[in-house]
Structure formats: C-alpha cells, structure tokens
Amino acid sequence: MNINGTVVTVTGIENITEQEIIAYIERIKEQSQEEVTTLDISLADDGQVILDYQLRPQKFERIRRITGYLVGTIDRWNNAKRAEESDRVKHSLSA
C-alpha cells in the first residue's frame, strides 16, 4: 500500500490501522529529519513491532580543491581556468 508517498508493507499484523502506520512514518521522520520511501512493518516473536525502512537519499555537491579554490563545479570558470584544470595530471588510487 502507499501512504503519503511511502510504500508500506505489513506482515503478520492484521488489525493495524492507517493512523498507526502514519504515526510510525512521522516518528521516523522526526528522528531522522528525512523522507521515508519504504516501510516494512512486521511482528517479532516477543510481540514487539519491527520497523524496517529506507530513507530518501540526500543530495550532495562534491567540493574539490582545484587550483587553490574550493569549488563544486567549474561551469562559471573562463576558458583559461578550464584549460588549466584539464591539463592537470590526474592521479588514481592503486591498491
């Protein structure tokens, strides 16, 4: 089932309400400060509820130090600075 954009799967619990599921989703959001994409709810042997969930991946920008400057992208650089960056020796990691 899909509740508020979260794909929810319930296993072993027959009488769970939609309000309970929404409360679980909200609790996860409060703790993680992220959007929940999937939520699997199941019942443990001792009667506890098991929540297995995935969060929406965070977007991030790669920051590099190029020619003395911390930059994310070089799209605003002039042609000379772009040529300087492309002429640099690129080193690889070897194990």
PDB file of N, CA and C in Angstrom:
ATOM      1  N   MET A   1       0.837  -1.182   0.000  1.00  0.00           N
ATOM      2  CA  MET A   1       0.000   0.000   0.000  1.00  0.00           C
ATOM      3  C   MET A   1       0.876   1.236   0.000  1.00  0.00           C
ATOM      4  N   ASN A   2       0.336   2.349  -0.417  1.00  0.00           N
ATOM      5  CA  ASN A   2       1.065   3.607  -0.489  1.00  0.00           C
ATOM      6  C   ASN A   2       0.363   4.611   0.419  1.00  0.00           C
ATOM      7  N   ILE A   3       1.099   5.121   1.406  1.00  0.00           N
ATOM      8  CA  ILE A   3       0.532   6.092   2.338  1.00  0.00           C
ATOM      9  C   ILE A   3       1.406   7.335   2.329  1.00  0.00           C
ATOM     10  N   ASN A   4       0.846   8.433   1.864  1.00  0.00           N
ATOM     11  CA  ASN A   4       1.550   9.728   1.818  1.00  0.00           C
ATOM     12  C   ASN A   4       2.894   9.626   1.106  1.00  0.00           C
ATOM     13  N   GLY A   5       2.962   8.861   0.022  1.00  0.00           N
ATOM     14  CA  GLY A   5       4.188   8.743  -0.750  1.00  0.00           C
ATOM     15  C   GLY A   5       5.164   7.702  -0.228  1.00  0.00           C
ATOM     16  N   THR A   6       4.810   6.985   0.817  1.00  0.00           N
ATOM     17  CA  THR A   6       5.657   5.932   1.373  1.00  0.00           C
ATOM     18  C   THR A   6       5.051   4.574   1.030  1.00  0.00           C
ATOM     19  N   VAL A   7       5.867   3.690   0.457  1.00  0.00           N
ATOM     20  CA  VAL A   7       5.414   2.334   0.137  1.00  0.00           C
ATOM     21  C   VAL A   7       5.490   1.516   1.426  1.00  0.00           C
ATOM     22  N   VAL A   8       4.341   1.030   1.893  1.00  0.00           N
ATOM     23  CA  VAL A   8       4.250   0.338   3.174  1.00  0.00           C
ATOM     24  C   VAL A   8       3.853  -1.118   2.952  1.00  0.00           C
ATOM     25  N   THR A   9       4.585  -2.015   3.638  1.00  0.00           N
ATOM     26  CA  THR A   9       4.265  -3.439   3.628  1.00  0.00           C
ATOM     27  C   THR A   9       4.077  -3.886   5.070  1.00  0.00           C
ATOM     28  N   VAL A  10       2.942  -4.519   5.360  1.00  0.00           N
ATOM     29  CA  VAL A  10       2.657  -5.005   6.709  1.00  0.00           C
ATOM     30  C   VAL A  10       2.615  -6.523   6.670  1.00  0.00           C
ATOM     31  N   THR A  11       3.383  -7.164   7.578  1.00  0.00           N
ATOM     32  CA  THR A  11       3.453  -8.613   7.626  1.00  0.00           C
ATOM     33  C   THR A  11       3.142  -9.093   9.045  1.00  0.00           C
ATOM     34  N   GLY A  12       2.181  -9.979   9.178  1.00  0.00           N
ATOM     35  CA  GLY A  12       1.898 -10.602  10.463  1.00  0.00           C
ATOM     36  C   GLY A  12       1.056  -9.787  11.419  1.00  0.00           C
ATOM     37  N   ILE A  13       0.595  -8.628  10.999  1.00  0.00           N
ATOM     38  CA  ILE A  13      -0.266  -7.795  11.841  1.00  0.00           C
ATOM     39  C   ILE A  13      -1.543  -7.529  11.053  1.00  0.00           C
ATOM     40  N   GLU A  14      -2.637  -8.068  11.535  1.00  0.00           N
ATOM     41  CA  GLU A  14      -3.882  -7.956  10.775  1.00  0.00           C
ATOM     42  C   GLU A  14      -4.697  -6.717  11.131  1.00  0.00           C
ATOM     43  N   ASN A  15      -4.612  -6.253  12.375  1.00  0.00           N
ATOM     44  CA  ASN A  15      -5.505  -5.185  12.813  1.00  0.00           C
ATOM     45  C   ASN A  15      -4.801  -3.833  12.953  1.00  0.00           C
ATOM     46  N   ILE A  16      -3.773  -3.575  12.171  1.00  0.00           N
ATOM     47  CA  ILE A  16      -3.094  -2.280  12.234  1.00  0.00           C
ATOM     48  C   ILE A  16      -3.893  -1.266  11.420  1.00  0.00           C
ATOM     49  N   THR A  17      -4.034  -0.071  11.960  1.00  0.00           N
ATOM     50  CA  THR A  17      -4.808   0.967  11.277  1.00  0.00           C
ATOM     51  C   THR A  17      -3.887   1.879  10.479  1.00  0.00           C
ATOM     52  N   GLU A  18      -4.488   2.604   9.561  1.00  0.00           N
ATOM     53  CA  GLU A  18      -3.724   3.562   8.763  1.00  0.00           C
ATOM     54  C   GLU A  18      -3.155   4.663   9.654  1.00  0.00           C
ATOM     55  N   GLN A  19      -3.880   5.048  10.705  1.00  0.00           N
ATOM     56  CA  GLN A  19      -3.386   6.071  11.630  1.00  0.00           C
ATOM     57  C   GLN A  19      -2.123   5.600  12.347  1.00  0.00           C
ATOM     58  N   GLU A  20      -2.069   4.314  12.712  1.00  0.00           N
ATOM     59  CA  GLU A  20      -0.863   3.769  13.344  1.00  0.00           C
ATOM     60  C   GLU A  20       0.321   3.810  12.376  1.00  0.00           C
ATOM     61  N   ILE A  21       0.073   3.456  11.134  1.00  0.00           N
ATOM     62  CA  ILE A  21       1.141   3.474  10.129  1.00  0.00           C
ATOM     63  C   ILE A  21       1.647   4.900   9.933  1.00  0.00           C
ATOM     64  N   ILE A  22       0.741   5.856   9.849  1.00  0.00           N
ATOM     65  CA  ILE A  22       1.136   7.262   9.697  1.00  0.00           C
ATOM     66  C   ILE A  22       1.942   7.715  10.906  1.00  0.00           C
ATOM     67  N   ALA A  23       1.569   7.269  12.090  1.00  0.00           N
ATOM     68  CA  ALA A  23       2.316   7.619  13.300  1.00  0.00           C
ATOM     69  C   ALA A  23       3.742   7.051  13.246  1.00  0.00           C
ATOM     70  N   TYR A  24       3.893   5.824  12.755  1.00  0.00           N
ATOM     71  CA  TYR A  24       5.232   5.246  12.600  1.00  0.00           C
ATOM     72  C   TYR A  24       6.061   6.064  11.611  1.00  0.00           C
ATOM     73  N   ILE A  25       5.465   6.434  10.484  1.00  0.00           N
ATOM     74  CA  ILE A  25       6.175   7.228   9.477  1.00  0.00           C
ATOM     75  C   ILE A  25       6.595   8.570  10.064  1.00  0.00           C
ATOM     76  N   GLU A  26       5.699   9.236  10.767  1.00  0.00           N
ATOM     77  CA  GLU A  26       6.010  10.534  11.367  1.00  0.00           C
ATOM     78  C   GLU A  26       7.119  10.409  12.414  1.00  0.00           C
ATOM     79  N   ARG A  27       7.102   9.336  13.189  1.00  0.00           N
ATOM     80  CA  ARG A  27       8.143   9.114  14.208  1.00  0.00           C
ATOM     81  C   ARG A  27       9.514   8.954  13.554  1.00  0.00           C
ATOM     82  N   ILE A  28       9.575   8.206  12.463  1.00  0.00           N
ATOM     83  CA  ILE A  28      10.836   8.025  11.743  1.00  0.00           C
ATOM     84  C   ILE A  28      11.315   9.354  11.177  1.00  0.00           C
ATOM     85  N   LYS A  29      10.385  10.141  10.616  1.00  0.00           N
ATOM     86  CA  LYS A  29      10.743  11.455  10.070  1.00  0.00           C
ATOM     87  C   LYS A  29      11.292  12.375  11.150  1.00  0.00           C
ATOM     88  N   GLU A  30      10.691  12.343  12.333  1.00  0.00           N
ATOM     89  CA  GLU A  30      11.166  13.173  13.440  1.00  0.00           C
ATOM     90  C   GLU A  30      12.589  12.797  13.838  1.00  0.00           C
ATOM     91  N   GLN A  31      12.857  11.506  13.917  1.00  0.00           N
ATOM     92  CA  GLN A  31      14.168  11.045  14.353  1.00  0.00           C
ATOM     93  C   GLN A  31      15.253  11.275  13.309  1.00  0.00           C
ATOM     94  N   SER A  32      14.924  11.112  12.044  1.00  0.00           N
ATOM     95  CA  SER A  32      15.948  11.167  11.001  1.00  0.00           C
ATOM     96  C   SER A  32      15.994  12.486  10.246  1.00  0.00           C
ATOM     97  N   GLN A  33      14.930  13.271  10.309  1.00  0.00           N
ATOM     98  CA  GLN A  33      14.817  14.511   9.542  1.00  0.00           C
ATOM     99  C   GLN A  33      14.861  14.261   8.031  1.00  0.00           C
ATOM    100  N   GLU A  34      14.470  13.059   7.609  1.00  0.00           N
ATOM    101  CA  GLU A  34      14.473  12.680   6.200  1.00  0.00           C
ATOM    102  C   GLU A  34      13.121  12.090   5.811  1.00  0.00           C
ATOM    103  N   GLU A  35      12.858  12.047   4.512  1.00  0.00           N
ATOM    104  CA  GLU A  35      11.640  11.442   3.989  1.00  0.00           C
ATOM    105  C   GLU A  35      11.788   9.926   3.946  1.00  0.00           C
ATOM    106  N   VAL A  36      10.737   9.215   4.318  1.00  0.00           N
ATOM    107  CA  VAL A  36      10.725   7.756   4.298  1.00  0.00           C
ATOM    108  C   VAL A  36      10.186   7.298   2.945  1.00  0.00           C
ATOM    109  N   THR A  37      10.960   6.450   2.236  1.00  0.00           N
ATOM    110  CA  THR A  37      10.499   5.971   0.927  1.00  0.00           C
ATOM    111  C   THR A  37       9.780   4.635   1.048  1.00  0.00           C
ATOM    112  N   THR A  38      10.318   3.718   1.869  1.00  0.00           N
ATOM    113  CA  THR A  38       9.666   2.430   2.076  1.00  0.00           C
ATOM    114  C   THR A  38       9.651   2.097   3.566  1.00  0.00           C
ATOM    115  N   LEU A  39       8.617   1.395   3.987  1.00  0.00           N
ATOM    116  CA  LEU A  39       8.472   0.981   5.376  1.00  0.00           C
ATOM    117  C   LEU A  39       7.890  -0.423   5.408  1.00  0.00           C
ATOM    118  N   ASP A  40       8.625  -1.346   6.039  1.00  0.00           N
ATOM    119  CA  ASP A  40       8.142  -2.707   6.250  1.00  0.00           C
ATOM    120  C   ASP A  40       7.851  -2.866   7.738  1.00  0.00           C
ATOM    121  N   ILE A  41       6.616  -3.211   8.058  1.00  0.00           N
ATOM    122  CA  ILE A  41       6.195  -3.393   9.449  1.00  0.00           C
ATOM    123  C   ILE A  41       5.891  -4.867   9.657  1.00  0.00           C
ATOM    124  N   SER A  42       6.529  -5.460  10.671  1.00  0.00           N
ATOM    125  CA  SER A  42       6.280  -6.865  10.968  1.00  0.00           C
ATOM    126  C   SER A  42       6.265  -7.064  12.475  1.00  0.00           C
ATOM    127  N   LEU A  43       5.843  -8.225  12.877  1.00  0.00           N
ATOM    128  CA  LEU A  43       5.713  -8.552  14.286  1.00  0.00           C
ATOM    129  C   LEU A  43       6.803  -9.535  14.686  1.00  0.00           C
ATOM    130  N   ALA A  44       7.541  -9.213  15.758  1.00  0.00           N
ATOM    131  CA  ALA A  44       8.581 -10.111  16.265  1.00  0.00           C
ATOM    132  C   ALA A  44       7.946 -11.202  17.118  1.00  0.00           C
ATOM    133  N   ASP A  45       8.736 -12.217  17.450  1.00  0.00           N
ATOM    134  CA  ASP A  45       8.246 -13.338  18.254  1.00  0.00           C
ATOM    135  C   ASP A  45       7.798 -12.900  19.647  1.00  0.00           C
ATOM    136  N   ASP A  46       8.445 -11.846  20.175  1.00  0.00           N
ATOM    137  CA  ASP A  46       8.105 -11.385  21.522  1.00  0.00           C
ATOM    138  C   ASP A  46       6.968 -10.364  21.534  1.00  0.00           C
ATOM    139  N   GLY A  47       6.334 -10.136  20.396  1.00  0.00           N
ATOM    140  CA  GLY A  47       5.206  -9.215  20.329  1.00  0.00           C
ATOM    141  C   GLY A  47       5.578  -7.784  19.975  1.00  0.00           C
ATOM    142  N   GLN A  48       6.850  -7.489  19.869  1.00  0.00           N
ATOM    143  CA  GLN A  48       7.298  -6.151  19.502  1.00  0.00           C
ATOM    144  C   GLN A  48       7.094  -5.926  18.003  1.00  0.00           C
ATOM    145  N   VAL A  49       6.962  -4.679  17.617  1.00  0.00           N
ATOM    146  CA  VAL A  49       6.816  -4.321  16.209  1.00  0.00           C
ATOM    147  C   VAL A  49       8.195  -4.017  15.646  1.00  0.00           C
ATOM    148  N   ILE A  50       8.501  -4.601  14.497  1.00  0.00           N
ATOM    149  CA  ILE A  50       9.775  -4.366  13.821  1.00  0.00           C
ATOM    150  C   ILE A  50       9.523  -3.417  12.659  1.00  0.00           C
ATOM    151  N   LEU A  51      10.279  -2.312  12.632  1.00  0.00           N
ATOM    152  CA  LEU A  51      10.184  -1.337  11.543  1.00  0.00           C
ATOM    153  C   LEU A  51      11.472  -1.390  10.732  1.00  0.00           C
ATOM    154  N   ASP A  52      11.346  -1.715   9.470  1.00  0.00           N
ATOM    155  CA  ASP A  52      12.482  -1.724   8.552  1.00  0.00           C
ATOM    156  C   ASP A  52      12.150  -0.688   7.477  1.00  0.00           C
ATOM    157  N   TYR A  53      12.992   0.332   7.354  1.00  0.00           N
ATOM    158  CA  TYR A  53      12.653   1.434   6.445  1.00  0.00           C
ATOM    159  C   TYR A  53      13.860   1.914   5.677  1.00  0.00           C
ATOM    160  N   GLN A  54      13.577   2.609   4.573  1.00  0.00           N
ATOM    161  CA  GLN A  54      14.611   3.256   3.771  1.00  0.00           C
ATOM    162  C   GLN A  54      14.262   4.723   3.663  1.00  0.00           C
ATOM    163  N   LEU A  55      15.297   5.555   3.715  1.00  0.00           N
ATOM    164  CA  LEU A  55      15.118   6.998   3.617  1.00  0.00           C
ATOM    165  C   LEU A  55      15.502   7.466   2.219  1.00  0.00           C
ATOM    166  N   ARG A  56      14.942   8.602   1.827  1.00  0.00           N
ATOM    167  CA  ARG A  56      15.278   9.193   0.537  1.00  0.00           C
ATOM    168  C   ARG A  56      16.738   9.658   0.590  1.00  0.00           C
ATOM    169  N   PRO A  57      17.536   9.280  -0.406  1.00  0.00           N
ATOM    170  CA  PRO A  57      18.946   9.692  -0.392  1.00  0.00           C
ATOM    171  C   PRO A  57      19.080  11.214  -0.407  1.00  0.00           C
ATOM    172  N   GLN A  58      20.052  11.703   0.331  1.00  0.00           N
ATOM    173  CA  GLN A  58      20.297  13.143   0.359  1.00  0.00           C
ATOM    174  C   GLN A  58      21.086  13.560  -0.869  1.00  0.00           C
ATOM    175  N   LYS A  59      20.766  14.727  -1.377  1.00  0.00           N
ATOM    176  CA  LYS A  59      21.532  15.287  -2.470  1.00  0.00           C
ATOM    177  C   LYS A  59      22.754  15.963  -1.874  1.00  0.00           C
ATOM    178  N   PHE A  60      23.868  15.820  -2.537  1.00  0.00           N
ATOM    179  CA  PHE A  60      25.076  16.491  -2.075  1.00  0.00           C
ATOM    180  C   PHE A  60      25.877  16.956  -3.277  1.00  0.00           C
ATOM    181  N   GLU A  61      26.664  17.961  -3.025  1.00  0.00           N
ATOM    182  CA  GLU A  61      27.501  18.510  -4.071  1.00  0.00           C
ATOM    183  C   GLU A  61      28.948  18.192  -3.738  1.00  0.00           C
ATOM    184  N   ARG A  62      29.644  17.673  -4.689  1.00  0.00           N
ATOM    185  CA  ARG A  62      31.052  17.349  -4.493  1.00  0.00           C
ATOM    186  C   ARG A  62      31.857  18.638  -4.484  1.00  0.00           C
ATOM    187  N   ILE A  63      32.653  18.832  -3.462  1.00  0.00           N
ATOM    188  CA  ILE A  63      33.517  20.004  -3.355  1.00  0.00           C
ATOM    189  C   ILE A  63      34.952  19.535  -3.540  1.00  0.00           C
ATOM    190  N   ARG A  64      35.662  20.184  -4.463  1.00  0.00           N
ATOM    191  CA  ARG A  64      37.051  19.822  -4.741  1.00  0.00           C
ATOM    192  C   ARG A  64      37.932  21.058  -4.589  1.00  0.00           C
ATOM    193  N   ARG A  65      39.183  20.804  -4.318  1.00  0.00           N
ATOM    194  CA  ARG A  65      40.141  21.903  -4.295  1.00  0.00           C
ATOM    195  C   ARG A  65      40.871  21.882  -5.632  1.00  0.00           C
ATOM    196  N   ILE A  66      40.592  22.880  -6.454  1.00  0.00           N
ATOM    197  CA  ILE A  66      41.196  22.965  -7.777  1.00  0.00           C
ATOM    198  C   ILE A  66      41.908  24.304  -7.885  1.00  0.00           C
ATOM    199  N   THR A  67      43.145  24.248  -8.243  1.00  0.00           N
ATOM    200  CA  THR A  67      43.993  25.435  -8.435  1.00  0.00           C
ATOM    201  C   THR A  67      43.863  26.427  -7.287  1.00  0.00           C
ATOM    202  N   GLY A  68      43.807  25.897  -6.062  1.00  0.00           N
ATOM    203  CA  GLY A  68      43.784  26.761  -4.887  1.00  0.00           C
ATOM    204  C   GLY A  68      42.412  27.203  -4.434  1.00  0.00           C
ATOM    205  N   TYR A  69      41.349  26.804  -5.127  1.00  0.00           N
ATOM    206  CA  TYR A  69      39.996  27.233  -4.767  1.00  0.00           C
ATOM    207  C   TYR A  69      39.127  26.018  -4.443  1.00  0.00           C
ATOM    208  N   LEU A  70      38.247  26.164  -3.476  1.00  0.00           N
ATOM    209  CA  LEU A  70      37.258  25.130  -3.204  1.00  0.00           C
ATOM    210  C   LEU A  70      36.073  25.376  -4.122  1.00  0.00           C
ATOM    211  N   VAL A  71      35.779  24.407  -4.981  1.00  0.00           N
ATOM    212  CA  VAL A  71      34.708  24.576  -5.963  1.00  0.00           C
ATOM    213  C   VAL A  71      33.857  23.323  -6.037  1.00  0.00           C
ATOM    214  N   GLY A  72      32.626  23.490  -6.440  1.00  0.00           N
ATOM    215  CA  GLY A  72      31.750  22.365  -6.695  1.00  0.00           C
ATOM    216  C   GLY A  72      31.781  22.005  -8.167  1.00  0.00           C
ATOM    217  N   THR A  73      31.597  22.998  -9.004  1.00  0.00           N
ATOM    218  CA  THR A  73      31.644  22.788 -10.455  1.00  0.00           C
ATOM    219  C   THR A  73      32.497  23.896 -11.065  1.00  0.00           C
ATOM    220  N   ILE A  74      32.915  23.656 -12.295  1.00  0.00           N
ATOM    221  CA  ILE A  74      33.748  24.661 -12.961  1.00  0.00           C
ATOM    222  C   ILE A  74      32.984  25.355 -14.092  1.00  0.00           C
ATOM    223  N   ASP A  75      31.655  25.279 -14.053  1.00  0.00           N
ATOM    224  CA  ASP A  75      30.857  25.822 -15.150  1.00  0.00           C
ATOM    225  C   ASP A  75      30.932  27.344 -15.260  1.00  0.00           C
ATOM    226  N   ARG A  76      31.337  28.038 -14.200  1.00  0.00           N
ATOM    227  CA  ARG A  76      31.434  29.503 -14.265  1.00  0.00           C
ATOM    228  C   ARG A  76      32.863  29.989 -14.501  1.00  0.00           C
ATOM    229  N   TRP A  77      33.779  29.070 -14.759  1.00  0.00           N
ATOM    230  CA  TRP A  77      35.166  29.453 -14.997  1.00  0.00           C
ATOM    231  C   TRP A  77      35.355  29.914 -16.441  1.00  0.00           C
ATOM    232  N   ASN A  78      36.357  30.780 -16.638  1.00  0.00           N
ATOM    233  CA  ASN A  78      36.665  31.208 -18.001  1.00  0.00           C
ATOM    234  C   ASN A  78      37.476  30.110 -18.703  1.00  0.00           C
ATOM    235  N   ASN A  79      37.717  30.278 -20.004  1.00  0.00           N
ATOM    236  CA  ASN A  79      38.374  29.246 -20.800  1.00  0.00           C
ATOM    237  C   ASN A  79      39.795  28.952 -20.313  1.00  0.00           C
ATOM    238  N   ALA A  80      40.529  29.957 -19.884  1.00  0.00           N
ATOM    239  CA  ALA A  80      41.902  29.745 -19.423  1.00  0.00           C
ATOM    240  C   ALA A  80      41.922  28.884 -18.157  1.00  0.00           C
ATOM    241  N   LYS A  81      41.036  29.164 -17.239  1.00  0.00           N
ATOM    242  CA  LYS A  81      40.990  28.393 -15.990  1.00  0.00           C
ATOM    243  C   LYS A  81      40.522  26.958 -16.266  1.00  0.00           C
ATOM    244  N   ARG A  82      39.581  26.786 -17.196  1.00  0.00           N
ATOM    245  CA  ARG A  82      39.144  25.435 -17.564  1.00  0.00           C
ATOM    246  C   ARG A  82      40.285  24.649 -18.213  1.00  0.00           C
ATOM    247  N   ALA A  83      41.065  25.310 -19.066  1.00  0.00           N
ATOM    248  CA  ALA A  83      42.207  24.648 -19.705  1.00  0.00           C
ATOM    249  C   ALA A  83      43.233  24.251 -18.657  1.00  0.00           C
ATOM    250  N   GLU A  84      43.459  25.119 -17.688  1.00  0.00           N
ATOM    251  CA  GLU A  84      44.402  24.799 -16.611  1.00  0.00           C
ATOM    252  C   GLU A  84      43.956  23.548 -15.851  1.00  0.00           C
ATOM    253  N   GLU A  85      42.671  23.457 -15.597  1.00  0.00           N
ATOM    254  CA  GLU A  85      42.148  22.293 -14.863  1.00  0.00           C
ATOM    255  C   GLU A  85      42.262  21.032 -15.709  1.00  0.00           C
ATOM    256  N   SER A  86      41.969  21.107 -16.998  1.00  0.00           N
ATOM    257  CA  SER A  86      42.005  19.908 -17.842  1.00  0.00           C
ATOM    258  C   SER A  86      43.436  19.447 -18.105  1.00  0.00           C
ATOM    259  N   ASP A  87      44.418  20.354 -18.011  1.00  0.00           N
ATOM    260  CA  ASP A  87      45.822  19.992 -18.234  1.00  0.00           C
ATOM    261  C   ASP A  87      46.476  19.382 -17.002  1.00  0.00           C
ATOM    262  N   ARG A  88      45.803  19.413 -15.861  1.00  0.00           N
ATOM    263  CA  ARG A  88      46.394  18.887 -14.642  1.00  0.00           C
ATOM    264  C   ARG A  88      46.559  17.364 -14.745  1.00  0.00           C
ATOM    265  N   VAL A  89      47.555  16.851 -14.061  1.00  0.00           N
ATOM    266  CA  VAL A  89      47.784  15.415 -14.018  1.00  0.00           C
ATOM    267  C   VAL A  89      46.779  14.799 -13.040  1.00  0.00           C
ATOM    268  N   LYS A  90      46.034  13.833 -13.512  1.00  0.00           N
ATOM    269  CA  LYS A  90      45.034  13.167 -12.662  1.00  0.00           C
ATOM    270  C   LYS A  90      45.669  11.910 -12.083  1.00  0.00           C
ATOM    271  N   HIS A  91      45.637  11.756 -10.776  1.00  0.00           N
ATOM    272  CA  HIS A  91      46.210  10.601 -10.107  1.00  0.00           C
ATOM    273  C   HIS A  91      45.093   9.627  -9.735  1.00  0.00           C
ATOM    274  N   SER A  92      45.386   8.356  -9.838  1.00  0.00           N
ATOM    275  CA  SER A  92      44.392   7.357  -9.470  1.00  0.00           C
ATOM    276  C   SER A  92      44.848   6.638  -8.206  1.00  0.00           C
ATOM    277  N   LEU A  93      43.894   5.993  -7.557  1.00  0.00           N
ATOM    278  CA  LEU A  93      44.204   5.206  -6.369  1.00  0.00           C
ATOM    279  C   LEU A  93      44.573   3.809  -6.798  1.00  0.00           C
ATOM    280  N   SER A  94      45.661   3.298  -6.254  1.00  0.00           N
ATOM    281  CA  SER A  94      46.039   1.921  -6.580  1.00  0.00           C
ATOM    282  C   SER A  94      46.188   1.146  -5.275  1.00  0.00           C
ATOM    283  N   ALA A  95      45.697  -0.058  -5.277  1.00  0.00           N
ATOM    284  CA  ALA A  95      45.720  -0.871  -4.059  1.00  0.00           C
ATOM    285  C   ALA A  95      46.895  -1.817  -4.044  1.00  0.00           C
TER     286      ALA A  95
END
